[in-house]
PDB file of N, CA and C in Angstrom:
ATOM      1  N   UNK A   1      95.117 100.293  96.360  1.00  0.00           N
ATOM      2  CA  UNK A   1      95.973 100.578  97.244  1.00  0.00           C
ATOM      3  C   UNK A   1      96.732 100.420  98.012  1.00  0.00           C
ATOM      4  N   UNK A   2      98.896  99.890  98.107  1.00  0.00           N
ATOM      5  CA  UNK A   2      98.709  99.153  99.216  1.00  0.00           C
ATOM      6  C   UNK A   2      98.332  99.623  99.912  1.00  0.00           C
ATOM      7  N   UNK A   3      98.759  98.586 101.316  1.00  0.00           N
ATOM      8  CA  UNK A   3      98.243  99.293 103.333  1.00  0.00           C
ATOM      9  C   UNK A   3      99.372  99.838 104.001  1.00  0.00           C
ATOM     10  N   UNK A   4     100.412 100.575 103.369  1.00  0.00           N
ATOM     11  CA  UNK A   4     101.903 100.907 103.653  1.00  0.00           C
ATOM     12  C   UNK A   4     101.421 102.243 102.977  1.00  0.00           C
ATOM     13  N   UNK A   5     100.842 102.586 101.916  1.00  0.00           N
ATOM     14  CA  UNK A   5     100.251 104.344 101.950  1.00  0.00           C
ATOM     15  C   UNK A   5      99.499 105.181 103.268  1.00  0.00           C
ATOM     16  N   UNK A   6      99.907 105.903 103.385  1.00  0.00           N
ATOM     17  CA  UNK A   6      98.545 106.777 103.450  1.00  0.00           C
ATOM     18  C   UNK A   6      98.419 107.673 102.997  1.00  0.00           C
ATOM     19  N   UNK A   7      97.498 108.390 103.809  1.00  0.00           N
ATOM     20  CA  UNK A   7      96.724 110.080 103.990  1.00  0.00           C
ATOM     21  C   UNK A   7      96.607 111.025 105.202  1.00  0.00           C
ATOM     22  N   UNK A   8      97.810 112.047 105.368  1.00  0.00           N
ATOM     23  CA  UNK A   8      97.413 112.633 106.040  1.00  0.00           C
ATOM     24  C   UNK A   8      97.511 114.214 105.861  1.00  0.00           C
ATOM     25  N   UNK A   9      97.236 115.158 106.540  1.00  0.00           N
ATOM     26  CA  UNK A   9      96.840 116.615 106.419  1.00  0.00           C
ATOM     27  C   UNK A   9      99.047 117.433 106.805  1.00  0.00           C
ATOM     28  N   UNK A  10      98.709 117.783 105.761  1.00  0.00           N
ATOM     29  CA  UNK A  10     100.058 118.640 106.007  1.00  0.00           C
ATOM     30  C   UNK A  10     100.345 119.308 107.060  1.00  0.00           C
ATOM     31  N   UNK A  11     100.405 119.550 108.916  1.00  0.00           N
ATOM     32  CA  UNK A  11     100.615 119.827 110.566  1.00  0.00           C
ATOM     33  C   UNK A  11     100.278 120.926 110.311  1.00  0.00           C
ATOM     34  N   UNK A  12     101.969 121.790 109.888  1.00  0.00           N
ATOM     35  CA  UNK A  12     102.343 122.636 110.090  1.00  0.00           C
ATOM     36  C   UNK A  12     103.825 123.461 108.416  1.00  0.00           C
ATOM     37  N   UNK A  13     103.585 124.851 108.638  1.00  0.00           N
ATOM     38  CA  UNK A  13     104.779 125.378 107.144  1.00  0.00           C
ATOM     39  C   UNK A  13     105.741 125.326 107.598  1.00  0.00           C
ATOM     40  N   UNK A  14     106.240 123.870 108.939  1.00  0.00           N
ATOM     41  CA  UNK A  14     107.714 124.464 109.060  1.00  0.00           C
ATOM     42  C   UNK A  14     108.016 123.382 109.217  1.00  0.00           C
ATOM     43  N   UNK A  15     109.415 122.334 109.376  1.00  0.00           N
ATOM     44  CA  UNK A  15     109.351 120.696 109.189  1.00  0.00           C
ATOM     45  C   UNK A  15     110.463 119.899 109.042  1.00  0.00           C
ATOM     46  N   UNK A  16     110.229 118.302 108.854  1.00  0.00           N
ATOM     47  CA  UNK A  16     110.998 118.037 108.608  1.00  0.00           C
ATOM     48  C   UNK A  16     109.395 117.354 107.139  1.00  0.00           C
ATOM     49  N   UNK A  17     108.390 117.230 108.019  1.00  0.00           N
ATOM     50  CA  UNK A  17     107.002 116.189 106.690  1.00  0.00           C
ATOM     51  C   UNK A  17     107.025 118.395 105.611  1.00  0.00           C
ATOM     52  N   UNK A  18     106.628 118.602 106.368  1.00  0.00           N
ATOM     53  CA  UNK A  18     106.687 120.706 104.830  1.00  0.00           C
ATOM     54  C   UNK A  18     108.225 120.014 104.516  1.00  0.00           C
ATOM     55  N   UNK A  19     109.399 120.111 105.189  1.00  0.00           N
ATOM     56  CA  UNK A  19     110.538 119.485 104.012  1.00  0.00           C
ATOM     57  C   UNK A  19     110.809 118.811 102.661  1.00  0.00           C
ATOM     58  N   UNK A  20     109.899 117.569 103.178  1.00  0.00           N
ATOM     59  CA  UNK A  20     109.499 116.325 102.172  1.00  0.00           C
ATOM     60  C   UNK A  20     108.662 116.849 101.073  1.00  0.00           C
ATOM     61  N   UNK A  21     107.580 117.623 102.005  1.00  0.00           N
ATOM     62  CA  UNK A  21     106.186 117.897 100.073  1.00  0.00           C
ATOM     63  C   UNK A  21     106.995 119.519 100.194  1.00  0.00           C
ATOM     64  N   UNK A  22     107.693 120.103  99.833  1.00  0.00           N
ATOM     65  CA  UNK A  22     108.249 121.265  98.974  1.00  0.00           C
ATOM     66  C   UNK A  22     108.955 120.808  98.219  1.00  0.00           C
ATOM     67  N   UNK A  23     109.969 120.273  99.045  1.00  0.00           N
ATOM     68  CA  UNK A  23     110.832 119.506  97.821  1.00  0.00           C
ATOM     69  C   UNK A  23     110.062 118.483  96.439  1.00  0.00           C
ATOM     70  N   UNK A  24     108.463 117.713  96.813  1.00  0.00           N
ATOM     71  CA  UNK A  24     108.080 117.086  95.935  1.00  0.00           C
ATOM     72  C   UNK A  24     107.738 118.393  95.053  1.00  0.00           C
ATOM     73  N   UNK A  25     107.031 120.023  96.011  1.00  0.00           N
ATOM     74  CA  UNK A  25     106.765 120.218  95.007  1.00  0.00           C
ATOM     75  C   UNK A  25     107.706 121.743  93.918  1.00  0.00           C
ATOM     76  N   UNK A  26     108.755 121.612  94.912  1.00  0.00           N
ATOM     77  CA  UNK A  26     109.844 122.333  93.764  1.00  0.00           C
ATOM     78  C   UNK A  26     110.323 121.212  92.692  1.00  0.00           C
ATOM     79  N   UNK A  27     110.742 120.291  92.610  1.00  0.00           N
ATOM     80  CA  UNK A  27     110.594 119.276  91.621  1.00  0.00           C
ATOM     81  C   UNK A  27     109.610 119.576  90.398  1.00  0.00           C
ATOM     82  N   UNK A  28     108.189 119.068  90.601  1.00  0.00           N
ATOM     83  CA  UNK A  28     107.089 119.367  90.031  1.00  0.00           C
ATOM     84  C   UNK A  28     106.913 120.278  89.609  1.00  0.00           C
ATOM     85  N   UNK A  29     106.165 121.170  89.846  1.00  0.00           N
ATOM     86  CA  UNK A  29     106.649 122.298  89.636  1.00  0.00           C
ATOM     87  C   UNK A  29     106.806 122.858  88.785  1.00  0.00           C
ATOM     88  N   UNK A  30     106.279 123.539  88.001  1.00  0.00           N
ATOM     89  CA  UNK A  30     107.340 124.804  86.489  1.00  0.00           C
ATOM     90  C   UNK A  30     107.704 125.662  87.577  1.00  0.00           C
ATOM     91  N   UNK A  31     109.071 126.826  87.047  1.00  0.00           N
ATOM     92  CA  UNK A  31     108.882 127.361  87.263  1.00  0.00           C
ATOM     93  C   UNK A  31     108.540 128.488  87.502  1.00  0.00           C
ATOM     94  N   UNK A  32     107.871 129.001  86.875  1.00  0.00           N
ATOM     95  CA  UNK A  32     106.498 129.962  86.274  1.00  0.00           C
ATOM     96  C   UNK A  32     105.413 130.151  86.977  1.00  0.00           C
ATOM     97  N   UNK A  33     105.194 128.242  87.356  1.00  0.00           N
ATOM     98  CA  UNK A  33     104.212 128.586  88.599  1.00  0.00           C
ATOM     99  C   UNK A  33     104.401 128.055  89.518  1.00  0.00           C
ATOM    100  N   UNK A  34     105.134 128.408  89.779  1.00  0.00           N
ATOM    101  CA  UNK A  34     105.489 127.707  91.247  1.00  0.00           C
ATOM    102  C   UNK A  34     105.578 129.038  92.319  1.00  0.00           C
ATOM    103  N   UNK A  35     105.242 129.248  93.444  1.00  0.00           N
ATOM    104  CA  UNK A  35     105.462 130.086  94.598  1.00  0.00           C
ATOM    105  C   UNK A  35     106.356 130.384  94.990  1.00  0.00           C
ATOM    106  N   UNK A  36     106.714 130.921  96.168  1.00  0.00           N
ATOM    107  CA  UNK A  36     108.281 131.022  96.777  1.00  0.00           C
ATOM    108  C   UNK A  36     107.720 130.084  98.025  1.00  0.00           C
ATOM    109  N   UNK A  37     109.510 129.501  98.963  1.00  0.00           N
ATOM    110  CA  UNK A  37     108.962 128.546  99.610  1.00  0.00           C
ATOM    111  C   UNK A  37     107.877 129.860 101.112  1.00  0.00           C
ATOM    112  N   UNK A  38     108.350 131.204 100.508  1.00  0.00           N
ATOM    113  CA  UNK A  38     107.507 131.219 101.993  1.00  0.00           C
ATOM    114  C   UNK A  38     106.400 131.667 102.390  1.00  0.00           C
ATOM    115  N   UNK A  39     106.062 131.714 100.983  1.00  0.00           N
ATOM    116  CA  UNK A  39     104.929 131.799 100.262  1.00  0.00           C
ATOM    117  C   UNK A  39     103.522 130.323 100.682  1.00  0.00           C
ATOM    118  N   UNK A  40     104.709 128.835 100.305  1.00  0.00           N
ATOM    119  CA  UNK A  40     103.739 127.813 100.734  1.00  0.00           C
ATOM    120  C   UNK A  40     103.857 127.123 101.446  1.00  0.00           C
ATOM    121  N   UNK A  41     105.360 127.821 102.440  1.00  0.00           N
ATOM    122  CA  UNK A  41     104.528 127.819 104.550  1.00  0.00           C
ATOM    123  C   UNK A  41     103.449 128.886 104.614  1.00  0.00           C
ATOM    124  N   UNK A  42     103.770 129.650 104.649  1.00  0.00           N
ATOM    125  CA  UNK A  42     102.628 130.638 105.372  1.00  0.00           C
ATOM    126  C   UNK A  42     101.117 130.023 104.760  1.00  0.00           C
ATOM    127  N   UNK A  43     101.194 129.644 103.902  1.00  0.00           N
ATOM    128  CA  UNK A  43      99.972 129.428 103.128  1.00  0.00           C
ATOM    129  C   UNK A  43     100.043 127.546 103.478  1.00  0.00           C
ATOM    130  N   UNK A  44     100.507 127.067 103.891  1.00  0.00           N
ATOM    131  CA  UNK A  44     100.530 125.827 104.677  1.00  0.00           C
ATOM    132  C   UNK A  44      99.784 126.677 106.460  1.00  0.00           C
ATOM    133  N   UNK A  45      99.804 127.037 106.626  1.00  0.00           N
ATOM    134  CA  UNK A  45      99.833 127.535 108.249  1.00  0.00           C
ATOM    135  C   UNK A  45      98.099 127.959 107.948  1.00  0.00           C
ATOM    136  N   UNK A  46      97.229 128.490 106.918  1.00  0.00           N
ATOM    137  CA  UNK A  46      96.162 128.888 106.763  1.00  0.00           C
ATOM    138  C   UNK A  46      95.327 128.353 106.777  1.00  0.00           C
ATOM    139  N   UNK A  47      93.978 128.605 106.880  1.00  0.00           N
ATOM    140  CA  UNK A  47      92.541 127.910 107.301  1.00  0.00           C
ATOM    141  C   UNK A  47      92.010 127.168 105.699  1.00  0.00           C
ATOM    142  N   UNK A  48      92.109 128.366 105.298  1.00  0.00           N
ATOM    143  CA  UNK A  48      91.843 128.379 103.543  1.00  0.00           C
ATOM    144  C   UNK A  48      92.143 127.501 103.014  1.00  0.00           C
ATOM    145  N   UNK A  49      93.159 127.373 102.825  1.00  0.00           N
ATOM    146  CA  UNK A  49      94.199 126.049 102.623  1.00  0.00           C
ATOM    147  C   UNK A  49      94.809 124.648 103.378  1.00  0.00           C
ATOM    148  N   UNK A  50      94.144 123.817 102.353  1.00  0.00           N
ATOM    149  CA  UNK A  50      94.554 121.977 103.136  1.00  0.00           C
ATOM    150  C   UNK A  50      95.554 121.220 101.710  1.00  0.00           C
ATOM    151  N   UNK A  51      96.105 120.995 102.594  1.00  0.00           N
ATOM    152  CA  UNK A  51      97.908 120.173 102.029  1.00  0.00           C
ATOM    153  C   UNK A  51      96.872 118.602 102.259  1.00  0.00           C
ATOM    154  N   UNK A  52      97.045 117.889 101.482  1.00  0.00           N
ATOM    155  CA  UNK A  52      97.050 116.554 101.926  1.00  0.00           C
ATOM    156  C   UNK A  52      97.930 115.628 101.315  1.00  0.00           C
ATOM    157  N   UNK A  53      98.605 114.363 102.004  1.00  0.00           N
ATOM    158  CA  UNK A  53      99.579 114.477 101.811  1.00  0.00           C
ATOM    159  C   UNK A  53      99.815 112.535 102.379  1.00  0.00           C
ATOM    160  N   UNK A  54     100.653 112.441 100.335  1.00  0.00           N
ATOM    161  CA  UNK A  54     100.751 111.285 100.165  1.00  0.00           C
ATOM    162  C   UNK A  54     101.931 110.371 100.819  1.00  0.00           C
ATOM    163  N   UNK A  55     101.776 109.112 102.082  1.00  0.00           N
ATOM    164  CA  UNK A  55     102.747 108.779 103.002  1.00  0.00           C
ATOM    165  C   UNK A  55     103.327 106.892 102.333  1.00  0.00           C
ATOM    166  N   UNK A  56     104.268 107.221 102.019  1.00  0.00           N
ATOM    167  CA  UNK A  56     104.727 105.800 102.840  1.00  0.00           C
ATOM    168  C   UNK A  56     106.192 105.688 103.287  1.00  0.00           C
ATOM    169  N   UNK A  57     105.147 104.324 104.697  1.00  0.00           N
ATOM    170  CA  UNK A  57     105.959 104.807 105.414  1.00  0.00           C
ATOM    171  C   UNK A  57     106.667 105.660 106.012  1.00  0.00           C
ATOM    172  N   UNK A  58     106.188 106.754 106.462  1.00  0.00           N
ATOM    173  CA  UNK A  58     105.839 107.323 106.747  1.00  0.00           C
ATOM    174  C   UNK A  58     107.304 108.632 106.297  1.00  0.00           C
ATOM    175  N   UNK A  59     106.945 108.647 104.853  1.00  0.00           N
ATOM    176  CA  UNK A  59     108.007 109.387 103.400  1.00  0.00           C
ATOM    177  C   UNK A  59     106.783 110.117 103.215  1.00  0.00           C
ATOM    178  N   UNK A  60     106.463 111.656 102.722  1.00  0.00           N
ATOM    179  CA  UNK A  60     105.898 112.537 101.629  1.00  0.00           C
ATOM    180  C   UNK A  60     106.303 111.658 100.404  1.00  0.00           C
ATOM    181  N   UNK A  61     105.740 111.247  99.768  1.00  0.00           N
ATOM    182  CA  UNK A  61     105.286 110.710  98.816  1.00  0.00           C
ATOM    183  C   UNK A  61     104.587 111.334  96.777  1.00  0.00           C
ATOM    184  N   UNK A  62     103.144 112.132  97.916  1.00  0.00           N
ATOM    185  CA  UNK A  62     102.896 112.150  97.491  1.00  0.00           C
ATOM    186  C   UNK A  62     102.395 113.835  97.641  1.00  0.00           C
ATOM    187  N   UNK A  63     101.268 115.747  96.847  1.00  0.00           N
ATOM    188  CA  UNK A  63     100.953 115.940  97.641  1.00  0.00           C
ATOM    189  C   UNK A  63      99.329 116.715  96.893  1.00  0.00           C
ATOM    190  N   UNK A  64      98.545 117.250  97.236  1.00  0.00           N
ATOM    191  CA  UNK A  64      97.314 118.239  97.148  1.00  0.00           C
ATOM    192  C   UNK A  64      97.259 118.612  97.527  1.00  0.00           C
ATOM    193  N   UNK A  65      97.335 119.927  96.718  1.00  0.00           N
ATOM    194  CA  UNK A  65      96.788 121.868  97.302  1.00  0.00           C
ATOM    195  C   UNK A  65      95.739 121.835  96.991  1.00  0.00           C
ATOM    196  N   UNK A  66      94.365 121.807  97.854  1.00  0.00           N
ATOM    197  CA  UNK A  66      93.505 122.611  97.574  1.00  0.00           C
ATOM    198  C   UNK A  66      92.836 123.811  98.863  1.00  0.00           C
ATOM    199  N   UNK A  67      92.680 124.926  97.900  1.00  0.00           N
ATOM    200  CA  UNK A  67      91.799 126.254  98.017  1.00  0.00           C
ATOM    201  C   UNK A  67      90.876 126.377  99.351  1.00  0.00           C
ATOM    202  N   UNK A  68      90.149 126.387  99.217  1.00  0.00           N
ATOM    203  CA  UNK A  68      88.786 126.066 100.414  1.00  0.00           C
ATOM    204  C   UNK A  68      87.858 128.016 100.687  1.00  0.00           C
ATOM    205  N   UNK A  69      87.805 128.744 100.754  1.00  0.00           N
ATOM    206  CA  UNK A  69      87.180 129.501 101.209  1.00  0.00           C
ATOM    207  C   UNK A  69      86.143 129.077 102.062  1.00  0.00           C
ATOM    208  N   UNK A  70      86.405 129.401 102.951  1.00  0.00           N
ATOM    209  CA  UNK A  70      85.263 129.235 104.002  1.00  0.00           C
ATOM    210  C   UNK A  70      83.682 129.957 103.393  1.00  0.00           C
ATOM    211  N   UNK A  71      84.356 131.433 103.387  1.00  0.00           N
ATOM    212  CA  UNK A  71      83.276 132.215 102.978  1.00  0.00           C
ATOM    213  C   UNK A  71      82.111 132.046 101.605  1.00  0.00           C
ATOM    214  N   UNK A  72      82.459 131.029 100.849  1.00  0.00           N
ATOM    215  CA  UNK A  72      82.310 131.058  99.058  1.00  0.00           C
ATOM    216  C   UNK A  72      81.970 129.503  99.245  1.00  0.00           C
ATOM    217  N   UNK A  73      81.485 128.965  98.078  1.00  0.00           N
ATOM    218  CA  UNK A  73      80.720 127.529  97.493  1.00  0.00           C
ATOM    219  C   UNK A  73      81.357 126.897  96.655  1.00  0.00           C
ATOM    220  N   UNK A  74      82.664 127.255  96.192  1.00  0.00           N
ATOM    221  CA  UNK A  74      83.816 127.196  95.371  1.00  0.00           C
ATOM    222  C   UNK A  74      84.155 126.098  96.066  1.00  0.00           C
ATOM    223  N   UNK A  75      85.376 125.006  96.273  1.00  0.00           N
ATOM    224  CA  UNK A  75      86.892 124.880  95.845  1.00  0.00           C
ATOM    225  C   UNK A  75      87.737 124.946  94.843  1.00  0.00           C
ATOM    226  N   UNK A  76      89.330 124.358  94.972  1.00  0.00           N
ATOM    227  CA  UNK A  76      90.519 124.714  93.679  1.00  0.00           C
ATOM    228  C   UNK A  76      90.908 124.017  94.618  1.00  0.00           C
ATOM    229  N   UNK A  77      90.947 123.230  93.138  1.00  0.00           N
ATOM    230  CA  UNK A  77      92.750 121.565  93.786  1.00  0.00           C
ATOM    231  C   UNK A  77      94.004 123.231  92.683  1.00  0.00           C
ATOM    232  N   UNK A  78      94.858 123.767  93.680  1.00  0.00           N
ATOM    233  CA  UNK A  78      95.867 124.245  93.533  1.00  0.00           C
ATOM    234  C   UNK A  78      96.489 123.388  93.053  1.00  0.00           C
ATOM    235  N   UNK A  79      97.175 122.287  93.067  1.00  0.00           N
ATOM    236  CA  UNK A  79      97.852 121.672  92.952  1.00  0.00           C
ATOM    237  C   UNK A  79      98.564 119.920  93.695  1.00  0.00           C
ATOM    238  N   UNK A  80      98.476 119.829  92.532  1.00  0.00           N
ATOM    239  CA  UNK A  80      98.926 118.344  92.613  1.00  0.00           C
ATOM    240  C   UNK A  80      99.724 117.716  92.513  1.00  0.00           C
ATOM    241  N   UNK A  81     100.748 116.806  93.391  1.00  0.00           N
ATOM    242  CA  UNK A  81     102.038 116.132  92.597  1.00  0.00           C
ATOM    243  C   UNK A  81     102.781 114.631  93.019  1.00  0.00           C
ATOM    244  N   UNK A  82     103.128 113.900  92.638  1.00  0.00           N
ATOM    245  CA  UNK A  82     103.575 112.338  92.795  1.00  0.00           C
ATOM    246  C   UNK A  82     105.511 112.498  92.373  1.00  0.00           C
ATOM    247  N   UNK A  83     106.176 112.169  93.624  1.00  0.00           N
ATOM    248  CA  UNK A  83     107.347 112.593  93.448  1.00  0.00           C
ATOM    249  C   UNK A  83     108.418 111.540  92.622  1.00  0.00           C
ATOM    250  N   UNK A  84     108.906 111.672  91.392  1.00  0.00           N
ATOM    251  CA  UNK A  84     109.348 111.303  90.908  1.00  0.00           C
ATOM    252  C   UNK A  84     109.688 109.835  90.111  1.00  0.00           C
ATOM    253  N   UNK A  85     109.920 109.648  91.631  1.00  0.00           N
ATOM    254  CA  UNK A  85     110.086 107.732  92.007  1.00  0.00           C
ATOM    255  C   UNK A  85     108.992 107.265  92.119  1.00  0.00           C
ATOM    256  N   UNK A  86     107.920 107.874  92.143  1.00  0.00           N
ATOM    257  CA  UNK A  86     106.741 107.401  92.563  1.00  0.00           C
ATOM    258  C   UNK A  86     105.582 106.784  91.091  1.00  0.00           C
ATOM    259  N   UNK A  87     106.166 107.759  90.371  1.00  0.00           N
ATOM    260  CA  UNK A  87     105.543 107.973  88.991  1.00  0.00           C
ATOM    261  C   UNK A  87     105.493 107.072  87.771  1.00  0.00           C
ATOM    262  N   UNK A  88     104.354 106.245  87.010  1.00  0.00           N
ATOM    263  CA  UNK A  88     104.261 105.324  86.450  1.00  0.00           C
ATOM    264  C   UNK A  88     104.676 104.036  86.929  1.00  0.00           C
ATOM    265  N   UNK A  89     104.108 103.507  88.360  1.00  0.00           N
ATOM    266  CA  UNK A  89     104.150 103.411  89.264  1.00  0.00           C
ATOM    267  C   UNK A  89     103.377 102.314  88.769  1.00  0.00           C
ATOM    268  N   UNK A  90     103.446 100.266  88.846  1.00  0.00           N
ATOM    269  CA  UNK A  90     101.876 100.224  88.997  1.00  0.00           C
ATOM    270  C   UNK A  90     101.295 100.261  90.168  1.00  0.00           C
TER     271      UNK A  90
END
């Protein structure tokens, strides 16, 4: 992977970084599988969820959402997507 890419956790359920993440989420996840923007915003602020962002030159181009309940011995990859412009690239 090129050095211009980086991974960062989503820090809040609002703001420019959240909006870039949510835009990819809404475009990539089918409507019947998609949660509301308010629910996703709340989820981003909950400790049992981890949202990892893939960035290219400080812009969000992909993400993964993990559900990691602290009292359980499992984790669940709930969502993962890449912005359309970055799919099928070399």
